[in-house]
Amino acid sequence: MDVITKHMWFILFVAWGLPLGYYRSKFRKIVYQTNSWLINIKPLFWKEIKGLFGNIYPQNHEYKKFRNFYRFYLTVYFLLFLVYLIF
């Protein structure tokens, strides 16, 4: 039990960060409109940033729903990091 409390932040970051690769891949596939796995290794991210903070496909409901979920996920990740820095 002492090990868990000692490494609580590491455990939280790993647990919350594990699905990040899947979520980012899914978001990039929606933004770049592809099903290729190569989108995961390409350093294209300007359109991804525009898609995250803007509304590049206003008619695509899947994009808007997943964009909002991805924003929430990244916000919680950012808040975890801020709380870690404060404490």
PDB file of N, CA and C in Angstrom:
ATOM      1  N   MET A   1       0.828  -1.196   0.000  1.00  0.00           N
ATOM      2  CA  MET A   1       0.000   0.000   0.000  1.00  0.00           C
ATOM      3  C   MET A   1       0.868   1.253   0.000  1.00  0.00           C
ATOM      4  N   ASP A   2       2.004   1.192   0.661  1.00  0.00           N
ATOM      5  CA  ASP A   2       2.901   2.337   0.719  1.00  0.00           C
ATOM      6  C   ASP A   2       3.468   2.672  -0.663  1.00  0.00           C
ATOM      7  N   VAL A   3       3.692   1.637  -1.457  1.00  0.00           N
ATOM      8  CA  VAL A   3       4.218   1.846  -2.815  1.00  0.00           C
ATOM      9  C   VAL A   3       3.196   2.592  -3.660  1.00  0.00           C
ATOM     10  N   ILE A   4       1.927   2.243  -3.505  1.00  0.00           N
ATOM     11  CA  ILE A   4       0.866   2.897  -4.292  1.00  0.00           C
ATOM     12  C   ILE A   4       0.756   4.370  -3.927  1.00  0.00           C
ATOM     13  N   THR A   5       0.766   4.677  -2.649  1.00  0.00           N
ATOM     14  CA  THR A   5       0.661   6.087  -2.254  1.00  0.00           C
ATOM     15  C   THR A   5       1.910   6.865  -2.628  1.00  0.00           C
ATOM     16  N   LYS A   6       3.042   6.203  -2.635  1.00  0.00           N
ATOM     17  CA  LYS A   6       4.301   6.867  -2.990  1.00  0.00           C
ATOM     18  C   LYS A   6       4.345   7.227  -4.478  1.00  0.00           C
ATOM     19  N   HIS A   7       3.756   6.371  -5.296  1.00  0.00           N
ATOM     20  CA  HIS A   7       3.792   6.563  -6.746  1.00  0.00           C
ATOM     21  C   HIS A   7       2.415   6.878  -7.318  1.00  0.00           C
ATOM     22  N   MET A   8       1.596   7.539  -6.540  1.00  0.00           N
ATOM     23  CA  MET A   8       0.223   7.827  -6.946  1.00  0.00           C
ATOM     24  C   MET A   8       0.164   8.633  -8.245  1.00  0.00           C
ATOM     25  N   TRP A   9       0.975   9.663  -8.377  1.00  0.00           N
ATOM     26  CA  TRP A   9       0.926  10.506  -9.581  1.00  0.00           C
ATOM     27  C   TRP A   9       1.344   9.732 -10.821  1.00  0.00           C
ATOM     28  N   PHE A  10       2.370   8.908 -10.684  1.00  0.00           N
ATOM     29  CA  PHE A  10       2.807   8.092 -11.817  1.00  0.00           C
ATOM     30  C   PHE A  10       1.689   7.150 -12.254  1.00  0.00           C
ATOM     31  N   ILE A  11       1.017   6.519 -11.292  1.00  0.00           N
ATOM     32  CA  ILE A  11      -0.075   5.607 -11.598  1.00  0.00           C
ATOM     33  C   ILE A  11      -1.230   6.351 -12.266  1.00  0.00           C
ATOM     34  N   LEU A  12      -1.558   7.545 -11.775  1.00  0.00           N
ATOM     35  CA  LEU A  12      -2.633   8.326 -12.386  1.00  0.00           C
ATOM     36  C   LEU A  12      -2.303   8.728 -13.819  1.00  0.00           C
ATOM     37  N   PHE A  13      -1.072   9.193 -14.060  1.00  0.00           N
ATOM     38  CA  PHE A  13      -0.691   9.599 -15.413  1.00  0.00           C
ATOM     39  C   PHE A  13      -0.680   8.413 -16.370  1.00  0.00           C
ATOM     40  N   VAL A  14      -0.202   7.276 -15.918  1.00  0.00           N
ATOM     41  CA  VAL A  14      -0.186   6.097 -16.787  1.00  0.00           C
ATOM     42  C   VAL A  14      -1.613   5.628 -17.064  1.00  0.00           C
ATOM     43  N   ALA A  15      -2.436   5.561 -16.026  1.00  0.00           N
ATOM     44  CA  ALA A  15      -3.813   5.088 -16.206  1.00  0.00           C
ATOM     45  C   ALA A  15      -4.606   6.015 -17.121  1.00  0.00           C
ATOM     46  N   TRP A  16      -4.454   7.312 -16.952  1.00  0.00           N
ATOM     47  CA  TRP A  16      -5.199   8.252 -17.796  1.00  0.00           C
ATOM     48  C   TRP A  16      -4.570   8.363 -19.183  1.00  0.00           C
ATOM     49  N   GLY A  17      -3.287   8.121 -19.296  1.00  0.00           N
ATOM     50  CA  GLY A  17      -2.598   8.286 -20.572  1.00  0.00           C
ATOM     51  C   GLY A  17      -2.638   7.079 -21.484  1.00  0.00           C
ATOM     52  N   LEU A  18      -2.972   5.912 -20.974  1.00  0.00           N
ATOM     53  CA  LEU A  18      -2.982   4.715 -21.818  1.00  0.00           C
ATOM     54  C   LEU A  18      -3.889   4.843 -23.045  1.00  0.00           C
ATOM     55  N   PRO A  19      -5.106   5.314 -22.917  1.00  0.00           N
ATOM     56  CA  PRO A  19      -5.953   5.391 -24.111  1.00  0.00           C
ATOM     57  C   PRO A  19      -5.644   6.587 -25.024  1.00  0.00           C
ATOM     58  N   LEU A  20      -4.683   7.427 -24.670  1.00  0.00           N
ATOM     59  CA  LEU A  20      -4.390   8.613 -25.472  1.00  0.00           C
ATOM     60  C   LEU A  20      -4.019   8.261 -26.908  1.00  0.00           C
ATOM     61  N   GLY A  21      -3.222   7.243 -27.113  1.00  0.00           N
ATOM     62  CA  GLY A  21      -2.841   6.848 -28.470  1.00  0.00           C
ATOM     63  C   GLY A  21      -4.035   6.466 -29.321  1.00  0.00           C
ATOM     64  N   TYR A  22      -4.960   5.733 -28.742  1.00  0.00           N
ATOM     65  CA  TYR A  22      -6.163   5.334 -29.468  1.00  0.00           C
ATOM     66  C   TYR A  22      -7.030   6.542 -29.810  1.00  0.00           C
ATOM     67  N   TYR A  23      -7.249   7.401 -28.809  1.00  0.00           N
ATOM     68  CA  TYR A  23      -8.098   8.571 -29.031  1.00  0.00           C
ATOM     69  C   TYR A  23      -7.494   9.518 -30.059  1.00  0.00           C
ATOM     70  N   ARG A  24      -6.176   9.750 -29.979  1.00  0.00           N
ATOM     71  CA  ARG A  24      -5.528  10.645 -30.933  1.00  0.00           C
ATOM     72  C   ARG A  24      -5.601  10.059 -32.336  1.00  0.00           C
ATOM     73  N   SER A  25      -5.380   8.759 -32.447  1.00  0.00           N
ATOM     74  CA  SER A  25      -5.458   8.106 -33.748  1.00  0.00           C
ATOM     75  C   SER A  25      -6.855   8.247 -34.340  1.00  0.00           C
ATOM     76  N   LYS A  26      -7.868   8.014 -33.539  1.00  0.00           N
ATOM     77  CA  LYS A  26      -9.245   8.117 -34.027  1.00  0.00           C
ATOM     78  C   LYS A  26      -9.569   9.551 -34.441  1.00  0.00           C
ATOM     79  N   PHE A  27      -9.129  10.525 -33.640  1.00  0.00           N
ATOM     80  CA  PHE A  27      -9.383  11.924 -33.970  1.00  0.00           C
ATOM     81  C   PHE A  27      -8.667  12.324 -35.258  1.00  0.00           C
ATOM     82  N   ARG A  28      -7.410  11.907 -35.406  1.00  0.00           N
ATOM     83  CA  ARG A  28      -6.667  12.230 -36.625  1.00  0.00           C
ATOM     84  C   ARG A  28      -7.297  11.594 -37.857  1.00  0.00           C
ATOM     85  N   LYS A  29      -7.801  10.378 -37.718  1.00  0.00           N
ATOM     86  CA  LYS A  29      -8.453   9.723 -38.853  1.00  0.00           C
ATOM     87  C   LYS A  29      -9.710  10.472 -39.275  1.00  0.00           C
ATOM     88  N   ILE A  30     -10.435  11.023 -38.305  1.00  0.00           N
ATOM     89  CA  ILE A  30     -11.627  11.809 -38.638  1.00  0.00           C
ATOM     90  C   ILE A  30     -11.218  13.128 -39.289  1.00  0.00           C
ATOM     91  N   VAL A  31     -10.227  13.812 -38.727  1.00  0.00           N
ATOM     92  CA  VAL A  31      -9.818  15.123 -39.234  1.00  0.00           C
ATOM     93  C   VAL A  31      -9.217  15.017 -40.626  1.00  0.00           C
ATOM     94  N   TYR A  32      -8.320  14.059 -40.836  1.00  0.00           N
ATOM     95  CA  TYR A  32      -7.669  13.926 -42.138  1.00  0.00           C
ATOM     96  C   TYR A  32      -8.463  13.045 -43.099  1.00  0.00           C
ATOM     97  N   GLN A  33      -9.600  12.520 -42.668  1.00  0.00           N
ATOM     98  CA  GLN A  33     -10.515  11.712 -43.477  1.00  0.00           C
ATOM     99  C   GLN A  33      -9.798  10.561 -44.170  1.00  0.00           C
ATOM    100  N   THR A  34      -9.184   9.719 -43.352  1.00  0.00           N
ATOM    101  CA  THR A  34      -8.478   8.552 -43.852  1.00  0.00           C
ATOM    102  C   THR A  34      -8.650   7.402 -42.866  1.00  0.00           C
ATOM    103  N   ASN A  35      -8.455   6.201 -43.331  1.00  0.00           N
ATOM    104  CA  ASN A  35      -8.455   5.031 -42.462  1.00  0.00           C
ATOM    105  C   ASN A  35      -7.077   4.389 -42.403  1.00  0.00           C
ATOM    106  N   SER A  36      -6.090   5.032 -42.988  1.00  0.00           N
ATOM    107  CA  SER A  36      -4.738   4.496 -43.024  1.00  0.00           C
ATOM    108  C   SER A  36      -4.071   4.616 -41.659  1.00  0.00           C
ATOM    109  N   TRP A  37      -3.340   3.589 -41.286  1.00  0.00           N
ATOM    110  CA  TRP A  37      -2.613   3.622 -40.019  1.00  0.00           C
ATOM    111  C   TRP A  37      -1.421   4.570 -40.094  1.00  0.00           C
ATOM    112  N   LEU A  38      -1.003   4.940 -41.292  1.00  0.00           N
ATOM    113  CA  LEU A  38       0.149   5.828 -41.456  1.00  0.00           C
ATOM    114  C   LEU A  38      -0.089   7.220 -40.875  1.00  0.00           C
ATOM    115  N   ILE A  39      -1.339   7.589 -40.680  1.00  0.00           N
ATOM    116  CA  ILE A  39      -1.655   8.896 -40.105  1.00  0.00           C
ATOM    117  C   ILE A  39      -1.099   8.999 -38.686  1.00  0.00           C
ATOM    118  N   ASN A  40      -0.883   7.878 -38.019  1.00  0.00           N
ATOM    119  CA  ASN A  40      -0.382   7.878 -36.646  1.00  0.00           C
ATOM    120  C   ASN A  40       1.091   8.258 -36.558  1.00  0.00           C
ATOM    121  N   ILE A  41       1.852   8.068 -37.622  1.00  0.00           N
ATOM    122  CA  ILE A  41       3.287   8.347 -37.553  1.00  0.00           C
ATOM    123  C   ILE A  41       3.686   9.596 -38.336  1.00  0.00           C
ATOM    124  N   LYS A  42       2.753  10.176 -39.051  1.00  0.00           N
ATOM    125  CA  LYS A  42       3.066  11.389 -39.801  1.00  0.00           C
ATOM    126  C   LYS A  42       3.001  12.603 -38.878  1.00  0.00           C
ATOM    127  N   PRO A  43       3.922  13.525 -39.037  1.00  0.00           N
ATOM    128  CA  PRO A  43       3.932  14.708 -38.152  1.00  0.00           C
ATOM    129  C   PRO A  43       3.021  15.835 -38.612  1.00  0.00           C
ATOM    130  N   LEU A  44       1.962  15.522 -39.321  1.00  0.00           N
ATOM    131  CA  LEU A  44       1.004  16.539 -39.738  1.00  0.00           C
ATOM    132  C   LEU A  44       0.134  16.890 -38.553  1.00  0.00           C
ATOM    133  N   PHE A  45       0.146  18.136 -38.120  1.00  0.00           N
ATOM    134  CA  PHE A  45      -0.719  18.437 -36.990  1.00  0.00           C
ATOM    135  C   PHE A  45      -1.396  19.789 -37.053  1.00  0.00           C
ATOM    136  N   TRP A  46      -1.168  20.600 -38.068  1.00  0.00           N
ATOM    137  CA  TRP A  46      -1.846  21.899 -38.145  1.00  0.00           C
ATOM    138  C   TRP A  46      -3.344  21.734 -38.324  1.00  0.00           C
ATOM    139  N   LYS A  47      -3.716  20.826 -39.196  1.00  0.00           N
ATOM    140  CA  LYS A  47      -5.140  20.599 -39.408  1.00  0.00           C
ATOM    141  C   LYS A  47      -5.768  19.974 -38.153  1.00  0.00           C
ATOM    142  N   GLU A  48      -4.991  19.147 -37.467  1.00  0.00           N
ATOM    143  CA  GLU A  48      -5.457  18.544 -36.214  1.00  0.00           C
ATOM    144  C   GLU A  48      -5.701  19.617 -35.151  1.00  0.00           C
ATOM    145  N   ILE A  49      -4.808  20.591 -35.051  1.00  0.00           N
ATOM    146  CA  ILE A  49      -4.980  21.695 -34.102  1.00  0.00           C
ATOM    147  C   ILE A  49      -6.205  22.529 -34.473  1.00  0.00           C
ATOM    148  N   LYS A  50      -6.351  22.818 -35.772  1.00  0.00           N
ATOM    149  CA  LYS A  50      -7.526  23.565 -36.228  1.00  0.00           C
ATOM    150  C   LYS A  50      -8.807  22.785 -35.930  1.00  0.00           C
ATOM    151  N   GLY A  51      -8.762  21.474 -36.104  1.00  0.00           N
ATOM    152  CA  GLY A  51      -9.923  20.637 -35.836  1.00  0.00           C
ATOM    153  C   GLY A  51     -10.254  20.548 -34.358  1.00  0.00           C
ATOM    154  N   LEU A  52      -9.248  20.649 -33.516  1.00  0.00           N
ATOM    155  CA  LEU A  52      -9.467  20.559 -32.073  1.00  0.00           C
ATOM    156  C   LEU A  52     -10.055  21.841 -31.518  1.00  0.00           C
ATOM    157  N   PHE A  53      -9.573  22.988 -31.995  1.00  0.00           N
ATOM    158  CA  PHE A  53     -10.019  24.267 -31.451  1.00  0.00           C
ATOM    159  C   PHE A  53     -11.054  24.975 -32.323  1.00  0.00           C
ATOM    160  N   GLY A  54     -11.267  24.473 -33.521  1.00  0.00           N
ATOM    161  CA  GLY A  54     -12.241  25.085 -34.416  1.00  0.00           C
ATOM    162  C   GLY A  54     -13.337  24.102 -34.773  1.00  0.00           C
ATOM    163  N   ASN A  55     -13.944  24.342 -35.919  1.00  0.00           N
ATOM    164  CA  ASN A  55     -15.018  23.477 -36.403  1.00  0.00           C
ATOM    165  C   ASN A  55     -14.836  23.326 -37.905  1.00  0.00           C
ATOM    166  N   ILE A  56     -13.940  22.417 -38.301  1.00  0.00           N
ATOM    167  CA  ILE A  56     -13.612  22.308 -39.717  1.00  0.00           C
ATOM    168  C   ILE A  56     -14.641  21.501 -40.518  1.00  0.00           C
ATOM    169  N   TYR A  57     -15.440  20.663 -39.844  1.00  0.00           N
ATOM    170  CA  TYR A  57     -16.493  19.904 -40.511  1.00  0.00           C
ATOM    171  C   TYR A  57     -17.813  20.136 -39.765  1.00  0.00           C
ATOM    172  N   PRO A  58     -18.484  21.262 -40.012  1.00  0.00           N
ATOM    173  CA  PRO A  58     -19.694  21.583 -39.236  1.00  0.00           C
ATOM    174  C   PRO A  58     -20.856  20.603 -39.441  1.00  0.00           C
ATOM    175  N   GLN A  59     -20.889  19.905 -40.544  1.00  0.00           N
ATOM    176  CA  GLN A  59     -21.992  18.973 -40.814  1.00  0.00           C
ATOM    177  C   GLN A  59     -21.735  17.564 -40.284  1.00  0.00           C
ATOM    178  N   ASN A  60     -20.504  17.256 -39.911  1.00  0.00           N
ATOM    179  CA  ASN A  60     -20.127  15.918 -39.458  1.00  0.00           C
ATOM    180  C   ASN A  60     -20.360  15.799 -37.952  1.00  0.00           C
ATOM    181  N   HIS A  61     -21.427  15.094 -37.578  1.00  0.00           N
ATOM    182  CA  HIS A  61     -21.788  14.975 -36.162  1.00  0.00           C
ATOM    183  C   HIS A  61     -20.828  14.060 -35.406  1.00  0.00           C
ATOM    184  N   GLU A  62     -20.279  13.055 -36.082  1.00  0.00           N
ATOM    185  CA  GLU A  62     -19.297  12.179 -35.434  1.00  0.00           C
ATOM    186  C   GLU A  62     -18.051  12.983 -35.054  1.00  0.00           C
ATOM    187  N   TYR A  63     -17.619  13.847 -35.977  1.00  0.00           N
ATOM    188  CA  TYR A  63     -16.457  14.695 -35.704  1.00  0.00           C
ATOM    189  C   TYR A  63     -16.709  15.598 -34.511  1.00  0.00           C
ATOM    190  N   LYS A  64     -17.855  16.269 -34.467  1.00  0.00           N
ATOM    191  CA  LYS A  64     -18.145  17.202 -33.380  1.00  0.00           C
ATOM    192  C   LYS A  64     -18.251  16.477 -32.039  1.00  0.00           C
ATOM    193  N   LYS A  65     -18.878  15.332 -32.028  1.00  0.00           N
ATOM    194  CA  LYS A  65     -19.028  14.565 -30.790  1.00  0.00           C
ATOM    195  C   LYS A  65     -17.663  14.096 -30.283  1.00  0.00           C
ATOM    196  N   PHE A  66     -16.856  13.548 -31.179  1.00  0.00           N
ATOM    197  CA  PHE A  66     -15.550  13.049 -30.750  1.00  0.00           C
ATOM    198  C   PHE A  66     -14.600  14.190 -30.419  1.00  0.00           C
ATOM    199  N   ARG A  67     -14.693  15.315 -31.129  1.00  0.00           N
ATOM    200  CA  ARG A  67     -13.867  16.488 -30.820  1.00  0.00           C
ATOM    201  C   ARG A  67     -14.138  16.969 -29.398  1.00  0.00           C
ATOM    202  N   ASN A  68     -15.398  17.043 -29.027  1.00  0.00           N
ATOM    203  CA  ASN A  68     -15.747  17.481 -27.674  1.00  0.00           C
ATOM    204  C   ASN A  68     -15.254  16.493 -26.622  1.00  0.00           C
ATOM    205  N   PHE A  69     -15.367  15.194 -26.913  1.00  0.00           N
ATOM    206  CA  PHE A  69     -14.843  14.193 -25.983  1.00  0.00           C
ATOM    207  C   PHE A  69     -13.326  14.315 -25.861  1.00  0.00           C
ATOM    208  N   TYR A  70     -12.643  14.489 -26.977  1.00  0.00           N
ATOM    209  CA  TYR A  70     -11.174  14.598 -26.984  1.00  0.00           C
ATOM    210  C   TYR A  70     -10.731  15.862 -26.250  1.00  0.00           C
ATOM    211  N   ARG A  71     -11.464  16.944 -26.403  1.00  0.00           N
ATOM    212  CA  ARG A  71     -11.169  18.165 -25.644  1.00  0.00           C
ATOM    213  C   ARG A  71     -11.275  17.899 -24.148  1.00  0.00           C
ATOM    214  N   PHE A  72     -12.358  17.226 -23.737  1.00  0.00           N
ATOM    215  CA  PHE A  72     -12.536  16.888 -22.324  1.00  0.00           C
ATOM    216  C   PHE A  72     -11.385  16.021 -21.827  1.00  0.00           C
ATOM    217  N   TYR A  73     -11.024  15.011 -22.598  1.00  0.00           N
ATOM    218  CA  TYR A  73      -9.942  14.099 -22.216  1.00  0.00           C
ATOM    219  C   TYR A  73      -8.630  14.864 -22.033  1.00  0.00           C
ATOM    220  N   LEU A  74      -8.294  15.720 -22.987  1.00  0.00           N
ATOM    221  CA  LEU A  74      -7.050  16.487 -22.890  1.00  0.00           C
ATOM    222  C   LEU A  74      -7.101  17.510 -21.765  1.00  0.00           C
ATOM    223  N   THR A  75      -8.270  18.068 -21.487  1.00  0.00           N
ATOM    224  CA  THR A  75      -8.408  19.017 -20.383  1.00  0.00           C
ATOM    225  C   THR A  75      -8.150  18.330 -19.047  1.00  0.00           C
ATOM    226  N   VAL A  76      -8.689  17.146 -18.865  1.00  0.00           N
ATOM    227  CA  VAL A  76      -8.436  16.404 -17.627  1.00  0.00           C
ATOM    228  C   VAL A  76      -6.953  16.059 -17.511  1.00  0.00           C
ATOM    229  N   TYR A  77      -6.335  15.675 -18.617  1.00  0.00           N
ATOM    230  CA  TYR A  77      -4.898  15.373 -18.625  1.00  0.00           C
ATOM    231  C   TYR A  77      -4.101  16.614 -18.217  1.00  0.00           C
ATOM    232  N   PHE A  78      -4.466  17.761 -18.751  1.00  0.00           N
ATOM    233  CA  PHE A  78      -3.799  19.024 -18.422  1.00  0.00           C
ATOM    234  C   PHE A  78      -4.017  19.382 -16.954  1.00  0.00           C
ATOM    235  N   LEU A  79      -5.233  19.194 -16.448  1.00  0.00           N
ATOM    236  CA  LEU A  79      -5.517  19.490 -15.040  1.00  0.00           C
ATOM    237  C   LEU A  79      -4.743  18.562 -14.107  1.00  0.00           C
ATOM    238  N   LEU A  80      -4.605  17.295 -14.467  1.00  0.00           N
ATOM    239  CA  LEU A  80      -3.774  16.387 -13.688  1.00  0.00           C
ATOM    240  C   LEU A  80      -2.339  16.907 -13.591  1.00  0.00           C
ATOM    241  N   PHE A  81      -1.826  17.359 -14.723  1.00  0.00           N
ATOM    242  CA  PHE A  81      -0.464  17.879 -14.755  1.00  0.00           C
ATOM    243  C   PHE A  81      -0.335  19.143 -13.899  1.00  0.00           C
ATOM    244  N   LEU A  82      -1.323  20.035 -13.965  1.00  0.00           N
ATOM    245  CA  LEU A  82      -1.286  21.246 -13.140  1.00  0.00           C
ATOM    246  C   LEU A  82      -1.328  20.922 -11.650  1.00  0.00           C
ATOM    247  N   VAL A  83      -2.185  20.016 -11.268  1.00  0.00           N
ATOM    248  CA  VAL A  83      -2.277  19.637  -9.860  1.00  0.00           C
ATOM    249  C   VAL A  83      -0.965  18.996  -9.401  1.00  0.00           C
ATOM    250  N   TYR A  84      -0.362  18.196 -10.276  1.00  0.00           N
ATOM    251  CA  TYR A  84       0.938  17.596  -9.962  1.00  0.00           C
ATOM    252  C   TYR A  84       1.991  18.679  -9.726  1.00  0.00           C
ATOM    253  N   LEU A  85       2.000  19.690 -10.583  1.00  0.00           N
ATOM    254  CA  LEU A  85       2.982  20.770 -10.427  1.00  0.00           C
ATOM    255  C   LEU A  85       2.748  21.583  -9.165  1.00  0.00           C
ATOM    256  N   ILE A  86       1.501  21.787  -8.800  1.00  0.00           N
ATOM    257  CA  ILE A  86       1.180  22.573  -7.601  1.00  0.00           C
ATOM    258  C   ILE A  86       1.566  21.810  -6.340  1.00  0.00           C
ATOM    259  N   PHE A  87       1.276  20.508  -6.308  1.00  0.00           N
ATOM    260  CA  PHE A  87       1.592  19.707  -5.130  1.00  0.00           C
ATOM    261  C   PHE A  87       2.883  18.970  -5.344  1.00  0.00           C
TER     262      PHE A  87
END
